[in-house]
Amino acid sequence: MARAVVDLGFGGEVSPAAVAAHLGVHPSSVYRNVGGTDALVDAALTLLVREAPWPRTADVERDPALGRRAASDGPWRRLLRGTAHAAYELMTAHPGLTLAAAHHAFVNAALLERFGVVVGDLEGLGWDVRDAAVTVDFVLDLTYDTVRDREQLATRPSAASRQTWSELLDPRLAEVFADAAGAGATAWFDQKLDLALAGIAGVLGHD
């Protein structure tokens, strides 16, 4: 049933009735086997997290998909960049997930497990557990907020959005943010991530 939620998508209302109709079963079967809407979203989130291509160890290989930045990254940067990109790609591949699963982040077992794995990998590289935890929290927050903000912008009425860009921003800034919300979204995220990793290195003293 978790797969059915993923197949239906998160753009509309996730409900036992919709899942039942998709599977050709009675809604009572969905309630009996999984539960209501919250349980369905949690199950779908668990499925997606378990299937995502997360870095497996702190000695993560350089990923050509990450472009020029990955080539100069050390182990902890590769780990965090790979984790951030896996989360980014998971969320962008499933529009609406950031909003549907917003209040599941601190109760979903798969997410908490993944968080602990990344913290443990940083500890394996000599990091203090508190520094590791706040760093992983910061990087994942940055990733989540970037995708969520873009989705919220996309769901606003287009005319109102255009009026906001044209009336409240300098035309140069409007052009920059229009690109960041559209074709240049991934490059924008990469630049934010670069700044975050540089800041982490500077504040915590890791090379």
N, C-alpha and C. Protein backbone atom coordinates (compact mmCIF):
# COMPACT_ATOMS: atom_id res chain seq x y z
N MET A 1 0.82 -1.21 0.00
CA MET A 1 0.00 0.00 0.00
C MET A 1 0.85 1.26 0.00
N ALA A 2 2.02 1.16 0.58
CA ALA A 2 2.94 2.29 0.53
C ALA A 2 3.30 2.61 -0.92
N ARG A 3 3.50 1.56 -1.71
CA ARG A 3 3.82 1.76 -3.12
C ARG A 3 2.66 2.45 -3.85
N ALA A 4 1.45 2.13 -3.45
CA ALA A 4 0.28 2.74 -4.08
C ALA A 4 0.26 4.24 -3.80
N VAL A 5 0.62 4.65 -2.58
CA VAL A 5 0.68 6.07 -2.25
C VAL A 5 1.72 6.76 -3.13
N VAL A 6 2.88 6.14 -3.28
CA VAL A 6 3.94 6.70 -4.12
C VAL A 6 3.46 6.82 -5.57
N ASP A 7 2.78 5.77 -6.05
CA ASP A 7 2.28 5.78 -7.43
C ASP A 7 1.25 6.89 -7.64
N LEU A 8 0.40 7.10 -6.64
CA LEU A 8 -0.63 8.13 -6.75
C LEU A 8 -0.03 9.53 -6.65
N GLY A 9 1.06 9.64 -5.92
CA GLY A 9 1.72 10.93 -5.77
C GLY A 9 1.21 11.70 -4.56
N PHE A 10 1.90 12.79 -4.25
CA PHE A 10 1.60 13.58 -3.07
C PHE A 10 1.02 14.94 -3.42
N GLY A 11 0.70 15.14 -4.70
CA GLY A 11 0.17 16.43 -5.13
C GLY A 11 -1.24 16.69 -4.67
N GLY A 12 -2.02 15.63 -4.50
CA GLY A 12 -3.39 15.77 -4.02
C GLY A 12 -3.51 15.24 -2.61
N GLU A 13 -4.72 14.95 -2.20
CA GLU A 13 -4.95 14.43 -0.86
C GLU A 13 -4.62 12.94 -0.81
N VAL A 14 -3.76 12.58 0.13
CA VAL A 14 -3.46 11.17 0.36
C VAL A 14 -4.53 10.63 1.31
N SER A 15 -5.30 9.64 0.86
CA SER A 15 -6.40 9.14 1.68
C SER A 15 -6.56 7.64 1.49
N PRO A 16 -7.12 6.96 2.51
CA PRO A 16 -7.40 5.53 2.37
C PRO A 16 -8.34 5.26 1.19
N ALA A 17 -9.29 6.16 0.95
CA ALA A 17 -10.23 5.96 -0.15
C ALA A 17 -9.51 5.97 -1.50
N ALA A 18 -8.58 6.92 -1.68
CA ALA A 18 -7.85 7.02 -2.94
C ALA A 18 -6.96 5.80 -3.15
N VAL A 19 -6.31 5.35 -2.08
CA VAL A 19 -5.45 4.17 -2.18
C VAL A 19 -6.29 2.93 -2.47
N ALA A 20 -7.43 2.82 -1.81
CA ALA A 20 -8.31 1.66 -2.04
C ALA A 20 -8.79 1.63 -3.49
N ALA A 21 -9.17 2.78 -4.02
CA ALA A 21 -9.63 2.84 -5.41
C ALA A 21 -8.51 2.45 -6.37
N HIS A 22 -7.31 2.89 -6.06
CA HIS A 22 -6.15 2.58 -6.91
C HIS A 22 -5.86 1.08 -6.91
N LEU A 23 -6.04 0.45 -5.76
CA LEU A 23 -5.73 -0.97 -5.63
C LEU A 23 -6.92 -1.87 -5.94
N GLY A 24 -8.11 -1.26 -6.04
CA GLY A 24 -9.30 -2.05 -6.30
C GLY A 24 -9.76 -2.85 -5.10
N VAL A 25 -9.58 -2.27 -3.90
CA VAL A 25 -10.02 -2.94 -2.67
C VAL A 25 -10.95 -2.00 -1.91
N HIS A 26 -11.55 -2.52 -0.85
CA HIS A 26 -12.44 -1.70 -0.03
C HIS A 26 -11.60 -0.84 0.92
N PRO A 27 -12.00 0.41 1.18
CA PRO A 27 -11.24 1.26 2.09
C PRO A 27 -10.98 0.63 3.46
N SER A 28 -11.89 -0.21 3.92
CA SER A 28 -11.69 -0.84 5.22
C SER A 28 -10.43 -1.71 5.23
N SER A 29 -10.08 -2.25 4.06
CA SER A 29 -8.87 -3.07 3.96
C SER A 29 -7.63 -2.22 4.18
N VAL A 30 -7.66 -0.99 3.67
CA VAL A 30 -6.53 -0.07 3.86
C VAL A 30 -6.39 0.31 5.32
N TYR A 31 -7.53 0.66 5.94
CA TYR A 31 -7.50 1.01 7.36
C TYR A 31 -7.00 -0.15 8.20
N ARG A 32 -7.44 -1.34 7.86
CA ARG A 32 -7.09 -2.52 8.66
C ARG A 32 -5.60 -2.86 8.54
N ASN A 33 -5.04 -2.71 7.35
CA ASN A 33 -3.67 -3.13 7.11
C ASN A 33 -2.62 -2.04 7.36
N VAL A 34 -3.01 -0.79 7.15
CA VAL A 34 -2.04 0.30 7.33
C VAL A 34 -2.55 1.34 8.32
N GLY A 35 -3.73 1.86 8.08
CA GLY A 35 -4.29 2.90 8.94
C GLY A 35 -4.82 4.05 8.11
N GLY A 36 -4.92 5.22 8.73
CA GLY A 36 -5.46 6.39 8.06
C GLY A 36 -4.40 7.13 7.25
N THR A 37 -4.70 8.39 6.96
CA THR A 37 -3.83 9.20 6.10
C THR A 37 -2.41 9.32 6.65
N ASP A 38 -2.28 9.61 7.93
CA ASP A 38 -0.93 9.77 8.51
C ASP A 38 -0.12 8.49 8.38
N ALA A 39 -0.75 7.37 8.63
CA ALA A 39 -0.05 6.09 8.52
C ALA A 39 0.36 5.80 7.08
N LEU A 40 -0.48 6.17 6.13
CA LEU A 40 -0.16 5.96 4.72
C LEU A 40 1.03 6.83 4.29
N VAL A 41 1.02 8.09 4.69
CA VAL A 41 2.13 8.98 4.35
C VAL A 41 3.42 8.46 4.99
N ASP A 42 3.32 8.02 6.23
CA ASP A 42 4.50 7.51 6.93
C ASP A 42 5.05 6.26 6.24
N ALA A 43 4.16 5.39 5.81
CA ALA A 43 4.58 4.17 5.12
C ALA A 43 5.25 4.49 3.78
N ALA A 44 4.68 5.44 3.05
CA ALA A 44 5.26 5.84 1.77
C ALA A 44 6.62 6.51 1.96
N LEU A 45 6.72 7.35 2.98
CA LEU A 45 7.99 8.01 3.28
C LEU A 45 9.05 6.98 3.64
N THR A 46 8.68 6.00 4.44
CA THR A 46 9.61 4.93 4.80
C THR A 46 10.10 4.19 3.57
N LEU A 47 9.20 3.87 2.67
CA LEU A 47 9.57 3.18 1.44
C LEU A 47 10.56 3.99 0.63
N LEU A 48 10.30 5.28 0.46
CA LEU A 48 11.17 6.13 -0.33
C LEU A 48 12.54 6.30 0.31
N VAL A 49 12.57 6.47 1.61
CA VAL A 49 13.85 6.63 2.31
C VAL A 49 14.67 5.36 2.20
N ARG A 50 14.03 4.21 2.35
CA ARG A 50 14.75 2.93 2.27
C ARG A 50 15.30 2.68 0.86
N GLU A 51 14.63 3.18 -0.15
CA GLU A 51 15.05 2.93 -1.53
C GLU A 51 16.00 3.99 -2.08
N ALA A 52 16.16 5.09 -1.39
CA ALA A 52 17.00 6.18 -1.89
C ALA A 52 18.47 5.76 -1.93
N PRO A 53 19.23 6.28 -2.90
CA PRO A 53 20.65 5.91 -3.05
C PRO A 53 21.56 6.71 -2.12
N TRP A 54 21.42 6.48 -0.82
CA TRP A 54 22.24 7.20 0.16
C TRP A 54 23.70 6.73 0.09
N PRO A 55 24.64 7.60 0.42
CA PRO A 55 26.02 7.15 0.59
C PRO A 55 26.05 6.06 1.66
N ARG A 56 26.79 4.99 1.40
CA ARG A 56 26.75 3.84 2.30
C ARG A 56 27.75 3.93 3.44
N THR A 57 28.85 4.62 3.25
CA THR A 57 29.85 4.74 4.30
C THR A 57 30.45 6.14 4.24
N ALA A 58 31.21 6.48 5.26
CA ALA A 58 31.88 7.78 5.27
C ALA A 58 32.94 7.85 4.18
N ASP A 59 33.41 6.71 3.69
CA ASP A 59 34.39 6.68 2.62
C ASP A 59 33.70 6.60 1.27
N VAL A 60 32.64 7.43 1.13
CA VAL A 60 31.83 7.41 -0.08
C VAL A 60 32.67 7.75 -1.30
N GLU A 61 32.41 7.04 -2.39
CA GLU A 61 33.16 7.28 -3.61
C GLU A 61 32.76 8.63 -4.22
N ARG A 62 33.67 9.21 -4.99
CA ARG A 62 33.33 10.42 -5.73
C ARG A 62 32.23 10.09 -6.73
N ASP A 63 31.23 10.94 -6.75
CA ASP A 63 30.08 10.69 -7.62
C ASP A 63 30.14 11.66 -8.79
N PRO A 64 30.32 11.17 -10.02
CA PRO A 64 30.40 12.05 -11.18
C PRO A 64 29.16 12.93 -11.34
N ALA A 65 28.03 12.45 -10.82
CA ALA A 65 26.79 13.21 -10.95
C ALA A 65 26.84 14.52 -10.18
N LEU A 66 27.77 14.62 -9.21
CA LEU A 66 27.85 15.83 -8.41
C LEU A 66 28.73 16.90 -9.06
N GLY A 67 29.32 16.58 -10.21
CA GLY A 67 30.06 17.58 -10.98
C GLY A 67 31.40 17.95 -10.39
N ARG A 68 31.85 19.15 -10.72
CA ARG A 68 33.20 19.58 -10.37
C ARG A 68 33.40 19.68 -8.87
N ARG A 69 32.35 19.98 -8.11
CA ARG A 69 32.50 20.19 -6.69
C ARG A 69 33.00 18.94 -5.98
N ALA A 70 32.47 17.77 -6.38
CA ALA A 70 32.83 16.52 -5.71
C ALA A 70 34.29 16.18 -5.89
N ALA A 71 34.89 16.63 -6.97
CA ALA A 71 36.27 16.25 -7.28
C ALA A 71 37.26 16.73 -6.22
N SER A 72 36.96 17.86 -5.57
CA SER A 72 37.89 18.40 -4.57
C SER A 72 37.41 18.15 -3.14
N ASP A 73 36.32 17.43 -2.98
CA ASP A 73 35.78 17.16 -1.65
C ASP A 73 36.58 16.07 -0.93
N GLY A 74 36.78 16.27 0.38
CA GLY A 74 37.33 15.21 1.22
C GLY A 74 36.20 14.30 1.68
N PRO A 75 36.51 13.29 2.49
CA PRO A 75 35.49 12.30 2.89
C PRO A 75 34.23 12.88 3.53
N TRP A 76 34.38 13.81 4.48
CA TRP A 76 33.18 14.30 5.15
C TRP A 76 32.34 15.17 4.23
N ARG A 77 32.99 15.93 3.35
CA ARG A 77 32.23 16.73 2.38
C ARG A 77 31.51 15.82 1.39
N ARG A 78 32.17 14.77 0.93
CA ARG A 78 31.52 13.85 0.00
C ARG A 78 30.31 13.18 0.65
N LEU A 79 30.47 12.82 1.92
CA LEU A 79 29.37 12.20 2.65
C LEU A 79 28.18 13.14 2.75
N LEU A 80 28.43 14.38 3.17
CA LEU A 80 27.34 15.33 3.35
C LEU A 80 26.74 15.77 2.02
N ARG A 81 27.60 15.97 1.01
CA ARG A 81 27.09 16.36 -0.30
C ARG A 81 26.25 15.23 -0.90
N GLY A 82 26.74 14.00 -0.77
CA GLY A 82 25.98 12.86 -1.29
C GLY A 82 24.67 12.67 -0.57
N THR A 83 24.66 12.87 0.75
CA THR A 83 23.43 12.76 1.53
C THR A 83 22.44 13.84 1.13
N ALA A 84 22.95 15.08 1.00
CA ALA A 84 22.07 16.19 0.62
C ALA A 84 21.48 15.98 -0.76
N HIS A 85 22.28 15.51 -1.70
CA HIS A 85 21.78 15.28 -3.05
C HIS A 85 20.77 14.14 -3.10
N ALA A 86 21.00 13.10 -2.32
CA ALA A 86 20.05 11.99 -2.28
C ALA A 86 18.70 12.47 -1.75
N ALA A 87 18.74 13.30 -0.70
CA ALA A 87 17.50 13.85 -0.14
C ALA A 87 16.83 14.80 -1.13
N TYR A 88 17.63 15.64 -1.77
CA TYR A 88 17.11 16.61 -2.75
C TYR A 88 16.42 15.89 -3.90
N GLU A 89 17.07 14.87 -4.43
CA GLU A 89 16.51 14.14 -5.56
C GLU A 89 15.26 13.35 -5.16
N LEU A 90 15.26 12.83 -3.94
CA LEU A 90 14.07 12.13 -3.45
C LEU A 90 12.87 13.08 -3.42
N MET A 91 13.08 14.26 -2.86
CA MET A 91 11.98 15.21 -2.71
C MET A 91 11.54 15.81 -4.04
N THR A 92 12.49 16.14 -4.91
CA THR A 92 12.10 16.74 -6.19
C THR A 92 11.46 15.72 -7.12
N ALA A 93 11.77 14.44 -6.93
CA ALA A 93 11.16 13.39 -7.75
C ALA A 93 9.72 13.11 -7.36
N HIS A 94 9.32 13.59 -6.17
CA HIS A 94 7.97 13.33 -5.67
C HIS A 94 7.34 14.64 -5.19
N PRO A 95 6.88 15.47 -6.13
CA PRO A 95 6.30 16.76 -5.77
C PRO A 95 5.19 16.61 -4.73
N GLY A 96 5.21 17.50 -3.76
CA GLY A 96 4.21 17.46 -2.70
C GLY A 96 4.67 16.70 -1.47
N LEU A 97 5.74 15.93 -1.59
CA LEU A 97 6.21 15.13 -0.46
C LEU A 97 6.63 16.01 0.71
N THR A 98 7.30 17.13 0.42
CA THR A 98 7.78 17.98 1.50
C THR A 98 6.64 18.51 2.36
N LEU A 99 5.52 18.79 1.73
CA LEU A 99 4.37 19.31 2.48
C LEU A 99 3.59 18.19 3.14
N ALA A 100 3.40 17.07 2.42
CA ALA A 100 2.62 15.96 2.95
C ALA A 100 3.29 15.32 4.16
N ALA A 101 4.62 15.28 4.14
CA ALA A 101 5.36 14.57 5.19
C ALA A 101 6.01 15.51 6.19
N ALA A 102 5.60 16.77 6.20
CA ALA A 102 6.28 17.78 7.02
C ALA A 102 6.37 17.40 8.49
N HIS A 103 5.30 16.86 9.06
CA HIS A 103 5.32 16.57 10.49
C HIS A 103 5.72 15.14 10.82
N HIS A 104 6.26 14.43 9.81
CA HIS A 104 6.71 13.06 10.04
C HIS A 104 8.21 12.96 10.28
N ALA A 105 8.94 14.07 10.06
CA ALA A 105 10.40 14.01 10.08
C ALA A 105 10.97 13.47 11.39
N PHE A 106 10.35 13.82 12.51
CA PHE A 106 10.91 13.43 13.79
C PHE A 106 10.27 12.17 14.37
N VAL A 107 9.41 11.53 13.61
CA VAL A 107 8.77 10.31 14.09
C VAL A 107 8.92 9.15 13.11
N ASN A 108 9.47 9.42 11.92
CA ASN A 108 9.62 8.35 10.94
C ASN A 108 10.89 7.56 11.24
N ALA A 109 10.75 6.27 11.45
CA ALA A 109 11.87 5.43 11.86
C ALA A 109 12.97 5.38 10.81
N ALA A 110 12.60 5.32 9.53
CA ALA A 110 13.60 5.23 8.48
C ALA A 110 14.44 6.51 8.40
N LEU A 111 13.78 7.65 8.54
CA LEU A 111 14.52 8.93 8.51
C LEU A 111 15.46 9.04 9.71
N LEU A 112 14.97 8.68 10.88
CA LEU A 112 15.80 8.75 12.08
C LEU A 112 16.99 7.79 11.99
N GLU A 113 16.74 6.63 11.41
CA GLU A 113 17.82 5.68 11.21
C GLU A 113 18.88 6.25 10.27
N ARG A 114 18.45 6.85 9.17
CA ARG A 114 19.39 7.44 8.21
C ARG A 114 20.18 8.57 8.86
N PHE A 115 19.49 9.40 9.65
CA PHE A 115 20.15 10.49 10.37
C PHE A 115 21.26 9.92 11.25
N GLY A 116 20.95 8.87 11.98
CA GLY A 116 21.93 8.26 12.86
C GLY A 116 23.11 7.66 12.13
N VAL A 117 22.87 7.09 10.95
CA VAL A 117 23.94 6.51 10.15
C VAL A 117 24.93 7.59 9.72
N VAL A 118 24.42 8.72 9.26
CA VAL A 118 25.31 9.79 8.80
C VAL A 118 26.10 10.37 9.96
N VAL A 119 25.42 10.58 11.09
CA VAL A 119 26.13 11.05 12.29
C VAL A 119 27.22 10.07 12.67
N GLY A 120 26.91 8.77 12.65
CA GLY A 120 27.90 7.76 12.99
C GLY A 120 29.08 7.75 12.04
N ASP A 121 28.81 7.98 10.76
CA ASP A 121 29.91 8.04 9.78
C ASP A 121 30.83 9.23 10.06
N LEU A 122 30.24 10.36 10.44
CA LEU A 122 31.07 11.52 10.79
C LEU A 122 31.88 11.24 12.05
N GLU A 123 31.26 10.58 13.01
CA GLU A 123 32.01 10.20 14.22
C GLU A 123 33.19 9.31 13.85
N GLY A 124 32.97 8.42 12.87
CA GLY A 124 34.04 7.55 12.42
C GLY A 124 35.20 8.31 11.80
N LEU A 125 34.92 9.54 11.37
CA LEU A 125 35.97 10.40 10.82
C LEU A 125 36.58 11.31 11.89
N GLY A 126 36.20 11.06 13.15
CA GLY A 126 36.79 11.82 14.25
C GLY A 126 35.97 12.98 14.76
N TRP A 127 34.73 13.12 14.28
CA TRP A 127 33.89 14.22 14.71
C TRP A 127 33.29 13.96 16.09
N ASP A 128 33.10 15.03 16.84
CA ASP A 128 32.32 14.97 18.08
C ASP A 128 30.86 14.72 17.74
N VAL A 129 30.16 13.95 18.58
CA VAL A 129 28.79 13.57 18.25
C VAL A 129 27.87 14.78 18.15
N ARG A 130 28.05 15.78 18.99
CA ARG A 130 27.19 16.97 18.91
C ARG A 130 27.45 17.74 17.62
N ASP A 131 28.73 17.93 17.29
CA ASP A 131 29.06 18.62 16.03
C ASP A 131 28.48 17.86 14.84
N ALA A 132 28.60 16.54 14.88
CA ALA A 132 28.07 15.72 13.78
C ALA A 132 26.56 15.86 13.67
N ALA A 133 25.87 15.82 14.80
CA ALA A 133 24.41 15.89 14.80
C ALA A 133 23.91 17.23 14.30
N VAL A 134 24.50 18.32 14.78
CA VAL A 134 24.04 19.64 14.35
C VAL A 134 24.36 19.87 12.88
N THR A 135 25.46 19.31 12.40
CA THR A 135 25.84 19.45 10.99
C THR A 135 24.86 18.72 10.09
N VAL A 136 24.54 17.47 10.42
CA VAL A 136 23.60 16.71 9.60
C VAL A 136 22.23 17.37 9.63
N ASP A 137 21.81 17.84 10.80
CA ASP A 137 20.53 18.52 10.93
C ASP A 137 20.51 19.77 10.05
N PHE A 138 21.59 20.53 10.06
CA PHE A 138 21.70 21.76 9.28
C PHE A 138 21.62 21.48 7.78
N VAL A 139 22.38 20.49 7.32
CA VAL A 139 22.42 20.18 5.89
C VAL A 139 21.07 19.65 5.41
N LEU A 140 20.42 18.80 6.19
CA LEU A 140 19.11 18.28 5.78
C LEU A 140 18.04 19.35 5.85
N ASP A 141 18.12 20.24 6.85
CA ASP A 141 17.18 21.37 6.91
C ASP A 141 17.32 22.26 5.68
N LEU A 142 18.56 22.54 5.30
CA LEU A 142 18.82 23.36 4.11
C LEU A 142 18.19 22.72 2.88
N THR A 143 18.37 21.42 2.76
CA THR A 143 17.84 20.69 1.60
C THR A 143 16.32 20.72 1.59
N TYR A 144 15.72 20.40 2.72
CA TYR A 144 14.26 20.37 2.83
C TYR A 144 13.67 21.76 2.56
N ASP A 145 14.24 22.78 3.19
CA ASP A 145 13.70 24.13 3.02
C ASP A 145 13.79 24.60 1.58
N THR A 146 14.88 24.25 0.89
CA THR A 146 15.06 24.66 -0.50
C THR A 146 13.96 24.08 -1.38
N VAL A 147 13.69 22.79 -1.22
CA VAL A 147 12.66 22.15 -2.04
C VAL A 147 11.26 22.62 -1.65
N ARG A 148 11.01 22.71 -0.35
CA ARG A 148 9.68 23.14 0.11
C ARG A 148 9.35 24.55 -0.36
N ASP A 149 10.30 25.46 -0.23
CA ASP A 149 10.04 26.85 -0.65
C ASP A 149 9.73 26.93 -2.13
N ARG A 150 10.46 26.15 -2.93
CA ARG A 150 10.21 26.16 -4.37
C ARG A 150 8.82 25.58 -4.67
N GLU A 151 8.42 24.55 -3.95
CA GLU A 151 7.10 23.96 -4.18
C GLU A 151 5.99 24.92 -3.75
N GLN A 152 6.21 25.61 -2.65
CA GLN A 152 5.20 26.57 -2.21
C GLN A 152 5.05 27.70 -3.21
N LEU A 153 6.16 28.14 -3.77
CA LEU A 153 6.11 29.18 -4.79
C LEU A 153 5.34 28.69 -6.02
N ALA A 154 5.58 27.43 -6.38
CA ALA A 154 4.93 26.88 -7.58
C ALA A 154 3.43 26.71 -7.41
N THR A 155 2.97 26.58 -6.16
CA THR A 155 1.54 26.37 -5.94
C THR A 155 0.77 27.68 -5.82
N ARG A 156 1.47 28.81 -5.78
CA ARG A 156 0.77 30.10 -5.72
C ARG A 156 0.19 30.44 -7.09
N PRO A 157 -0.89 31.20 -7.10
CA PRO A 157 -1.46 31.62 -8.40
C PRO A 157 -0.40 32.32 -9.23
N SER A 158 -0.28 31.96 -10.49
CA SER A 158 0.80 32.47 -11.33
C SER A 158 0.75 33.99 -11.48
N ALA A 159 -0.42 34.55 -11.64
CA ALA A 159 -0.53 36.00 -11.81
C ALA A 159 -0.02 36.72 -10.57
N ALA A 160 -0.41 36.22 -9.39
CA ALA A 160 0.03 36.83 -8.14
C ALA A 160 1.54 36.71 -7.99
N SER A 161 2.10 35.57 -8.42
CA SER A 161 3.54 35.38 -8.33
C SER A 161 4.27 36.37 -9.22
N ARG A 162 3.77 36.54 -10.44
CA ARG A 162 4.42 37.49 -11.36
C ARG A 162 4.35 38.91 -10.80
N GLN A 163 3.23 39.24 -10.20
CA GLN A 163 3.08 40.57 -9.62
C GLN A 163 4.07 40.76 -8.47
N THR A 164 4.27 39.72 -7.65
CA THR A 164 5.22 39.80 -6.55
C THR A 164 6.62 40.04 -7.07
N TRP A 165 7.04 39.24 -8.08
CA TRP A 165 8.38 39.41 -8.63
C TRP A 165 8.57 40.82 -9.20
N SER A 166 7.59 41.27 -9.95
CA SER A 166 7.77 42.53 -10.68
C SER A 166 7.67 43.75 -9.77
N GLU A 167 6.85 43.68 -8.74
CA GLU A 167 6.62 44.87 -7.91
C GLU A 167 7.51 44.95 -6.68
N LEU A 168 7.93 43.83 -6.15
CA LEU A 168 8.66 43.86 -4.89
C LEU A 168 10.16 43.64 -5.02
N LEU A 169 10.61 43.17 -6.17
CA LEU A 169 12.04 42.93 -6.35
C LEU A 169 12.63 43.80 -7.45
N ASP A 170 13.89 44.16 -7.24
CA ASP A 170 14.66 44.77 -8.31
C ASP A 170 14.64 43.80 -9.50
N PRO A 171 14.50 44.30 -10.72
CA PRO A 171 14.44 43.41 -11.89
C PRO A 171 15.60 42.43 -11.98
N ARG A 172 16.79 42.84 -11.55
CA ARG A 172 17.93 41.91 -11.59
C ARG A 172 17.72 40.76 -10.62
N LEU A 173 17.20 41.08 -9.43
CA LEU A 173 16.94 40.04 -8.45
C LEU A 173 15.78 39.15 -8.89
N ALA A 174 14.79 39.76 -9.51
CA ALA A 174 13.66 38.98 -10.00
C ALA A 174 14.13 37.94 -11.00
N GLU A 175 15.08 38.33 -11.85
CA GLU A 175 15.62 37.39 -12.83
C GLU A 175 16.38 36.26 -12.15
N VAL A 176 17.16 36.62 -11.12
CA VAL A 176 17.93 35.61 -10.39
C VAL A 176 17.01 34.59 -9.73
N PHE A 177 15.96 35.09 -9.04
CA PHE A 177 15.08 34.18 -8.32
C PHE A 177 14.16 33.40 -9.25
N ALA A 178 13.82 33.98 -10.37
CA ALA A 178 13.04 33.23 -11.35
C ALA A 178 13.83 32.04 -11.86
N ASP A 179 15.13 32.24 -12.08
CA ASP A 179 15.99 31.14 -12.52
C ASP A 179 16.14 30.11 -11.40
N ALA A 180 16.28 30.57 -10.16
CA ALA A 180 16.45 29.66 -9.03
C ALA A 180 15.22 28.81 -8.79
N ALA A 181 14.07 29.34 -9.16
CA ALA A 181 12.83 28.59 -8.98
C ALA A 181 12.50 27.73 -10.19
N GLY A 182 13.29 27.87 -11.26
CA GLY A 182 13.00 27.14 -12.49
C GLY A 182 14.17 26.29 -12.94
N ALA A 183 14.70 26.62 -14.12
CA ALA A 183 15.73 25.79 -14.74
C ALA A 183 17.02 25.74 -13.93
N GLY A 184 17.29 26.79 -13.18
CA GLY A 184 18.54 26.82 -12.41
C GLY A 184 18.41 26.35 -10.98
N ALA A 185 17.35 25.61 -10.67
CA ALA A 185 17.08 25.22 -9.29
C ALA A 185 18.20 24.37 -8.68
N THR A 186 18.68 23.40 -9.42
CA THR A 186 19.71 22.52 -8.87
C THR A 186 21.02 23.27 -8.68
N ALA A 187 21.37 24.14 -9.62
CA ALA A 187 22.59 24.94 -9.49
C ALA A 187 22.49 25.87 -8.27
N TRP A 188 21.31 26.41 -8.03
CA TRP A 188 21.07 27.27 -6.86
C TRP A 188 21.28 26.47 -5.58
N PHE A 189 20.72 25.26 -5.55
CA PHE A 189 20.89 24.39 -4.39
C PHE A 189 22.36 24.06 -4.18
N ASP A 190 23.08 23.75 -5.26
CA ASP A 190 24.50 23.42 -5.16
C ASP A 190 25.29 24.59 -4.57
N GLN A 191 24.95 25.80 -4.97
CA GLN A 191 25.68 26.96 -4.45
C GLN A 191 25.39 27.15 -2.97
N LYS A 192 24.14 26.97 -2.57
CA LYS A 192 23.80 27.05 -1.15
C LYS A 192 24.55 25.98 -0.36
N LEU A 193 24.63 24.79 -0.93
CA LEU A 193 25.32 23.70 -0.25
C LEU A 193 26.81 23.98 -0.15
N ASP A 194 27.41 24.56 -1.19
CA ASP A 194 28.82 24.96 -1.13
C ASP A 194 29.07 25.92 0.03
N LEU A 195 28.20 26.92 0.16
CA LEU A 195 28.34 27.89 1.24
C LEU A 195 28.20 27.22 2.60
N ALA A 196 27.25 26.29 2.71
CA ALA A 196 27.04 25.58 3.96
C ALA A 196 28.27 24.75 4.34
N LEU A 197 28.82 24.02 3.39
CA LEU A 197 29.97 23.17 3.67
C LEU A 197 31.20 24.01 4.02
N ALA A 198 31.36 25.15 3.34
CA ALA A 198 32.47 26.04 3.67
C ALA A 198 32.31 26.59 5.08
N GLY A 199 31.08 26.95 5.44
CA GLY A 199 30.83 27.45 6.77
C GLY A 199 31.07 26.40 7.85
N ILE A 200 30.66 25.18 7.57
CA ILE A 200 30.88 24.07 8.52
C ILE A 200 32.38 23.87 8.74
N ALA A 201 33.13 23.88 7.63
CA ALA A 201 34.58 23.71 7.74
C ALA A 201 35.21 24.83 8.57
N GLY A 202 34.77 26.07 8.33
CA GLY A 202 35.33 27.21 9.04
C GLY A 202 34.99 27.23 10.52
N VAL A 203 33.74 26.96 10.84
CA VAL A 203 33.30 27.03 12.25
C VAL A 203 33.81 25.86 13.06
N LEU A 204 33.75 24.65 12.47
CA LEU A 204 34.12 23.45 13.23
C LEU A 204 35.58 23.06 13.05
N GLY A 205 36.27 23.70 12.11
CA GLY A 205 37.70 23.45 11.96
C GLY A 205 38.04 22.15 11.28
N HIS A 206 37.14 21.64 10.43
CA HIS A 206 37.43 20.41 9.69
C HIS A 206 37.94 20.75 8.29
N ASP A 207 38.97 20.07 7.86
CA ASP A 207 39.53 20.30 6.54
C ASP A 207 38.66 19.66 5.47
